[in-house]
Amino acid sequence: MVTVKTFFFFDIKTLVFVAHLCYNSDRIKMTSKDSTVRARISPDLKQSAEAVLEKLGLNNSQAINIFYSQIVLHKGFPFPISLEQGDLPEKYTKVKDEAHFKSLIGLE
């Protein structure tokens, strides 16, 4: 039996990959899963993400495996990561002293 889940935010390459994982998950002979990934995140973010993952029928390990697989597939992050157009370090104002800082934020 094949379980089909609908995803609206993935490109076609990702959809094909996820469909392949869902269809072949019981047939794929995976290598030993003895590597550990540890990350420190806020409890609120963890709880919110786990609620979404539960609705998708995934646990944390499955989500991380999919994320890492997508990094390999895309040879980078599977979504764009960039600074906002105006948020560039060369446009930052260097604060000279406390008086200068107060003038920048309108306290003088």
C-alpha atoms as a PDB file:
ATOM      1  CA  MET A   1       0.000   0.000   0.000  1.00  0.00           C
ATOM      2  CA  VAL A   2       1.297   3.466  -0.915  1.00  0.00           C
ATOM      3  CA  THR A   3       0.657   6.484   1.285  1.00  0.00           C
ATOM      4  CA  VAL A   4       0.361   9.734  -0.661  1.00  0.00           C
ATOM      5  CA  LYS A   5       0.791  13.096   1.030  1.00  0.00           C
ATOM      6  CA  THR A   6       0.220  16.451  -0.602  1.00  0.00           C
ATOM      7  CA  PHE A   7       2.913  19.129  -0.440  1.00  0.00           C
ATOM      8  CA  PHE A   8       2.256  22.560  -1.930  1.00  0.00           C
ATOM      9  CA  PHE A   9       5.573  24.278  -1.315  1.00  0.00           C
ATOM     10  CA  PHE A  10       8.080  21.981  -3.052  1.00  0.00           C
ATOM     11  CA  ASP A  11       9.419  22.094  -6.589  1.00  0.00           C
ATOM     12  CA  ILE A  12       8.904  19.082  -8.878  1.00  0.00           C
ATOM     13  CA  LYS A  13      12.361  17.627  -8.175  1.00  0.00           C
ATOM     14  CA  THR A  14      11.575  17.584  -4.467  1.00  0.00           C
ATOM     15  CA  LEU A  15       8.129  16.077  -5.041  1.00  0.00           C
ATOM     16  CA  VAL A  16       9.626  13.240  -7.072  1.00  0.00           C
ATOM     17  CA  PHE A  17      12.231  12.636  -4.365  1.00  0.00           C
ATOM     18  CA  VAL A  18       9.643  12.587  -1.532  1.00  0.00           C
ATOM     19  CA  ALA A  19       7.320  10.338  -3.554  1.00  0.00           C
ATOM     20  CA  HIS A  20      10.255   7.982  -4.148  1.00  0.00           C
ATOM     21  CA  LEU A  21      11.019   7.914  -0.404  1.00  0.00           C
ATOM     22  CA  CYS A  22       7.372   7.263   0.497  1.00  0.00           C
ATOM     23  CA  TYR A  23       6.954   4.491  -2.085  1.00  0.00           C
ATOM     24  CA  ASN A  24      10.268   2.762  -1.459  1.00  0.00           C
ATOM     25  CA  SER A  25      10.734   3.374   2.267  1.00  0.00           C
ATOM     26  CA  ASP A  26      10.133  -0.282   3.154  1.00  0.00           C
ATOM     27  CA  ARG A  27      12.276  -1.569   0.258  1.00  0.00           C
ATOM     28  CA  ILE A  28      15.356   0.636   0.567  1.00  0.00           C
ATOM     29  CA  LYS A  29      18.255  -1.005   2.360  1.00  0.00           C
ATOM     30  CA  MET A  30      19.687   1.926   4.264  1.00  0.00           C
ATOM     31  CA  THR A  31      23.193   1.965   5.613  1.00  0.00           C
ATOM     32  CA  SER A  32      23.659   1.842   9.336  1.00  0.00           C
ATOM     33  CA  LYS A  33      22.126   4.914  10.950  1.00  0.00           C
ATOM     34  CA  ASP A  34      24.599   5.418  13.747  1.00  0.00           C
ATOM     35  CA  SER A  35      25.593   9.052  13.145  1.00  0.00           C
ATOM     36  CA  THR A  36      24.142  11.623  15.496  1.00  0.00           C
ATOM     37  CA  VAL A  37      23.243  15.214  14.727  1.00  0.00           C
ATOM     38  CA  ARG A  38      22.842  17.515  17.729  1.00  0.00           C
ATOM     39  CA  ALA A  39      21.520  21.047  17.614  1.00  0.00           C
ATOM     40  CA  ARG A  40      20.423  23.550  20.224  1.00  0.00           C
ATOM     41  CA  ILE A  41      17.196  25.342  19.352  1.00  0.00           C
ATOM     42  CA  SER A  42      14.568  27.210  21.327  1.00  0.00           C
ATOM     43  CA  PRO A  43      11.929  25.026  22.988  1.00  0.00           C
ATOM     44  CA  ASP A  44       9.138  26.996  21.273  1.00  0.00           C
ATOM     45  CA  LEU A  45      10.627  26.440  17.817  1.00  0.00           C
ATOM     46  CA  LYS A  46      11.102  22.729  18.538  1.00  0.00           C
ATOM     47  CA  GLN A  47       7.523  22.329  19.754  1.00  0.00           C
ATOM     48  CA  SER A  48       6.070  24.237  16.776  1.00  0.00           C
ATOM     49  CA  ALA A  49       8.130  22.272  14.269  1.00  0.00           C
ATOM     50  CA  GLU A  50       7.236  18.942  15.868  1.00  0.00           C
ATOM     51  CA  ALA A  51       3.531  19.833  15.673  1.00  0.00           C
ATOM     52  CA  VAL A  52       3.879  20.432  11.918  1.00  0.00           C
ATOM     53  CA  LEU A  53       5.958  17.275  11.455  1.00  0.00           C
ATOM     54  CA  GLU A  54       3.367  15.216  13.319  1.00  0.00           C
ATOM     55  CA  LYS A  55       0.666  16.433  10.911  1.00  0.00           C
ATOM     56  CA  LEU A  56       2.940  15.366   8.042  1.00  0.00           C
ATOM     57  CA  GLY A  57       3.464  11.955   9.634  1.00  0.00           C
ATOM     58  CA  LEU A  58       7.178  12.537  10.228  1.00  0.00           C
ATOM     59  CA  ASN A  59       9.408  12.494  13.268  1.00  0.00           C
ATOM     60  CA  ASN A  60      12.492  14.651  13.867  1.00  0.00           C
ATOM     61  CA  SER A  61      14.940  12.077  12.491  1.00  0.00           C
ATOM     62  CA  GLN A  62      12.935  11.607   9.295  1.00  0.00           C
ATOM     63  CA  ALA A  63      12.700  15.370   8.788  1.00  0.00           C
ATOM     64  CA  ILE A  64      16.445  15.814   9.283  1.00  0.00           C
ATOM     65  CA  ASN A  65      17.159  12.931   6.867  1.00  0.00           C
ATOM     66  CA  ILE A  66      14.912  14.554   4.249  1.00  0.00           C
ATOM     67  CA  PHE A  67      16.559  17.943   4.827  1.00  0.00           C
ATOM     68  CA  TYR A  68      20.072  16.508   4.490  1.00  0.00           C
ATOM     69  CA  SER A  69      19.036  14.527   1.397  1.00  0.00           C
ATOM     70  CA  GLN A  70      17.696  17.736  -0.148  1.00  0.00           C
ATOM     71  CA  ILE A  71      20.973  19.529   0.614  1.00  0.00           C
ATOM     72  CA  VAL A  72      22.812  16.773  -1.282  1.00  0.00           C
ATOM     73  CA  LEU A  73      20.260  16.784  -4.128  1.00  0.00           C
ATOM     74  CA  HIS A  74      20.388  20.581  -4.568  1.00  0.00           C
ATOM     75  CA  LYS A  75      24.100  20.838  -3.732  1.00  0.00           C
ATOM     76  CA  GLY A  76      23.152  23.541  -1.236  1.00  0.00           C
ATOM     77  CA  PHE A  77      20.124  24.598   0.731  1.00  0.00           C
ATOM     78  CA  PRO A  78      16.830  23.536  -0.866  1.00  0.00           C
ATOM     79  CA  PHE A  79      15.515  27.091  -0.471  1.00  0.00           C
ATOM     80  CA  PRO A  80      17.029  30.534  -1.003  1.00  0.00           C
ATOM     81  CA  ILE A  81      18.942  32.128   1.864  1.00  0.00           C
ATOM     82  CA  SER A  82      19.811  35.769   1.426  1.00  0.00           C
ATOM     83  CA  LEU A  83      19.997  39.109   3.106  1.00  0.00           C
ATOM     84  CA  GLU A  84      17.255  41.596   2.407  1.00  0.00           C
ATOM     85  CA  GLN A  85      18.124  43.966  -0.417  1.00  0.00           C
ATOM     86  CA  GLY A  86      19.011  46.854   1.922  1.00  0.00           C
ATOM     87  CA  ASP A  87      20.613  44.729   4.653  1.00  0.00           C
ATOM     88  CA  LEU A  88      24.210  44.758   3.470  1.00  0.00           C
ATOM     89  CA  PRO A  89      27.208  45.193   5.788  1.00  0.00           C
ATOM     90  CA  GLU A  90      28.683  47.930   3.607  1.00  0.00           C
ATOM     91  CA  LYS A  91      25.543  49.994   4.258  1.00  0.00           C
ATOM     92  CA  TYR A  92      25.867  49.743   8.054  1.00  0.00           C
ATOM     93  CA  THR A  93      26.710  52.862  10.033  1.00  0.00           C
ATOM     94  CA  LYS A  94      29.684  52.475  12.330  1.00  0.00           C
ATOM     95  CA  VAL A  95      28.967  53.952  15.747  1.00  0.00           C
ATOM     96  CA  LYS A  96      31.835  56.168  16.887  1.00  0.00           C
ATOM     97  CA  ASP A  97      30.846  56.736  20.498  1.00  0.00           C
ATOM     98  CA  GLU A  98      27.855  56.925  22.850  1.00  0.00           C
ATOM     99  CA  ALA A  99      26.887  60.439  21.748  1.00  0.00           C
ATOM    100  CA  HIS A 100      26.942  59.371  18.116  1.00  0.00           C
ATOM    101  CA  PHE A 101      24.762  56.344  18.966  1.00  0.00           C
ATOM    102  CA  LYS A 102      22.214  58.533  20.787  1.00  0.00           C
ATOM    103  CA  SER A 103      22.044  60.896  17.809  1.00  0.00           C
ATOM    104  CA  LEU A 104      21.470  57.944  15.443  1.00  0.00           C
ATOM    105  CA  ILE A 105      18.504  56.636  17.446  1.00  0.00           C
ATOM    106  CA  GLY A 106      17.060  60.105  18.073  1.00  0.00           C
ATOM    107  CA  LEU A 107      17.872  60.605  21.739  1.00  0.00           C
ATOM    108  CA  GLU A 108      19.734  63.916  21.195  1.00  0.00           C
END
